[in-house]
N, C-alpha and C. Protein backbone atom coordinates (compact mmCIF):
# COMPACT_ATOMS: atom_id res chain seq x y z
N UNK A 1 67.66 69.52 97.97
CA UNK A 1 68.79 69.41 97.05
C UNK A 1 69.77 70.57 97.26
N UNK A 2 69.22 71.78 97.47
CA UNK A 2 70.11 72.93 97.66
C UNK A 2 70.96 72.78 98.92
N UNK A 3 70.36 72.23 99.97
CA UNK A 3 71.11 72.08 101.22
C UNK A 3 72.25 71.09 101.04
N UNK A 4 72.04 70.08 100.19
CA UNK A 4 73.09 69.09 99.94
C UNK A 4 74.26 69.76 99.20
N UNK A 5 73.94 70.62 98.23
CA UNK A 5 74.99 71.32 97.48
C UNK A 5 75.77 72.24 98.43
N UNK A 6 75.06 72.93 99.29
CA UNK A 6 75.71 73.82 100.26
C UNK A 6 76.61 73.01 101.19
N UNK A 7 76.11 71.84 101.61
CA UNK A 7 76.87 70.97 102.52
C UNK A 7 78.15 70.49 101.86
N UNK A 8 78.11 70.31 100.53
CA UNK A 8 79.31 69.86 99.81
C UNK A 8 80.24 71.02 99.50
N UNK A 9 79.68 72.19 99.25
CA UNK A 9 80.51 73.33 98.85
C UNK A 9 81.30 73.92 100.01
N UNK A 10 80.74 73.87 101.20
CA UNK A 10 81.42 74.49 102.34
C UNK A 10 82.78 73.86 102.63
N UNK A 11 82.90 72.51 102.78
CA UNK A 11 84.23 71.94 103.00
C UNK A 11 85.16 72.15 101.81
N UNK A 12 84.61 72.17 100.61
CA UNK A 12 85.45 72.40 99.43
C UNK A 12 86.07 73.78 99.47
N UNK A 13 85.28 74.79 99.81
CA UNK A 13 85.82 76.15 99.87
C UNK A 13 86.86 76.28 100.98
N UNK A 14 86.63 75.58 102.10
CA UNK A 14 87.60 75.61 103.20
C UNK A 14 88.90 74.97 102.75
N UNK A 15 88.81 73.82 102.06
CA UNK A 15 90.01 73.13 101.58
C UNK A 15 90.76 74.00 100.57
N UNK A 16 90.03 74.64 99.66
CA UNK A 16 90.66 75.51 98.66
C UNK A 16 91.36 76.68 99.34
N UNK A 17 90.71 77.26 100.35
CA UNK A 17 91.32 78.37 101.08
C UNK A 17 92.59 77.93 101.79
N UNK A 18 92.54 76.76 102.43
CA UNK A 18 93.71 76.24 103.14
C UNK A 18 94.84 75.94 102.16
N UNK A 19 94.50 75.38 101.00
CA UNK A 19 95.52 75.08 99.99
C UNK A 19 96.16 76.36 99.48
N UNK A 20 95.34 77.39 99.24
CA UNK A 20 95.88 78.66 98.78
C UNK A 20 96.81 79.27 99.82
N UNK A 21 96.39 79.23 101.09
CA UNK A 21 97.22 79.78 102.17
C UNK A 21 98.52 79.02 102.29
N UNK A 22 98.47 77.68 102.24
CA UNK A 22 99.69 76.89 102.37
C UNK A 22 100.60 77.12 101.17
N UNK A 23 100.01 77.31 99.98
CA UNK A 23 100.82 77.60 98.80
C UNK A 23 101.54 78.93 98.93
N UNK A 24 100.84 79.95 99.42
CA UNK A 24 101.46 81.26 99.62
C UNK A 24 102.56 81.17 100.68
N UNK A 25 102.27 80.46 101.76
CA UNK A 25 103.26 80.32 102.84
C UNK A 25 104.51 79.60 102.34
N UNK A 26 104.32 78.50 101.60
CA UNK A 26 105.48 77.75 101.12
C UNK A 26 106.28 78.57 100.11
N UNK A 27 105.60 79.37 99.29
CA UNK A 27 106.31 80.22 98.34
C UNK A 27 107.12 81.28 99.08
N UNK A 28 106.54 81.86 100.12
CA UNK A 28 107.26 82.86 100.92
C UNK A 28 108.46 82.22 101.61
N UNK A 29 108.27 81.04 102.19
CA UNK A 29 109.35 80.37 102.89
C UNK A 29 110.48 80.02 101.93
N UNK A 30 110.14 79.50 100.76
CA UNK A 30 111.18 79.10 99.82
C UNK A 30 111.95 80.31 99.32
N UNK A 31 111.26 81.44 99.12
CA UNK A 31 111.96 82.63 98.65
C UNK A 31 112.84 83.21 99.75
N UNK A 32 112.44 83.02 101.02
CA UNK A 32 113.26 83.53 102.12
C UNK A 32 114.48 82.66 102.37
N UNK A 33 114.29 81.32 102.31
CA UNK A 33 115.36 80.43 102.73
C UNK A 33 116.29 80.01 101.60
N UNK A 34 115.93 80.29 100.35
CA UNK A 34 116.81 79.96 99.24
C UNK A 34 117.53 81.21 98.76
N UNK A 35 118.83 81.32 99.03
CA UNK A 35 119.58 82.50 98.55
C UNK A 35 119.67 82.52 97.03
N UNK A 36 119.71 81.34 96.41
CA UNK A 36 119.79 81.27 94.95
C UNK A 36 118.42 80.93 94.37
N UNK A 37 117.44 81.73 94.73
CA UNK A 37 116.10 81.49 94.21
C UNK A 37 116.00 82.01 92.78
N UNK A 38 115.11 81.41 91.97
CA UNK A 38 114.89 81.93 90.60
C UNK A 38 114.44 83.39 90.62
N UNK A 39 114.70 84.08 89.53
CA UNK A 39 114.44 85.53 89.49
C UNK A 39 112.95 85.84 89.59
N UNK A 40 112.08 84.97 89.09
CA UNK A 40 110.66 85.28 89.15
C UNK A 40 110.11 85.14 90.57
N UNK A 41 110.84 84.47 91.47
CA UNK A 41 110.38 84.37 92.85
C UNK A 41 110.76 85.59 93.66
N UNK A 42 111.87 86.22 93.29
CA UNK A 42 112.32 87.39 94.05
C UNK A 42 111.54 88.62 93.60
N UNK A 43 110.81 89.20 94.53
CA UNK A 43 110.02 90.38 94.18
C UNK A 43 110.64 91.66 94.70
N UNK A 44 111.59 91.56 95.67
CA UNK A 44 112.19 92.77 96.20
C UNK A 44 113.64 92.86 95.79
């Protein structure tokens, strides 16, 4: 049973990591390419 849980958790963690990375990348891209970005997106 434990091996089955591990087998299910591994792809889930990979997907979550990829989603987090893509979210960070898209946020960075949108803040770079939008001159009129909202104030909470601009950190510098």
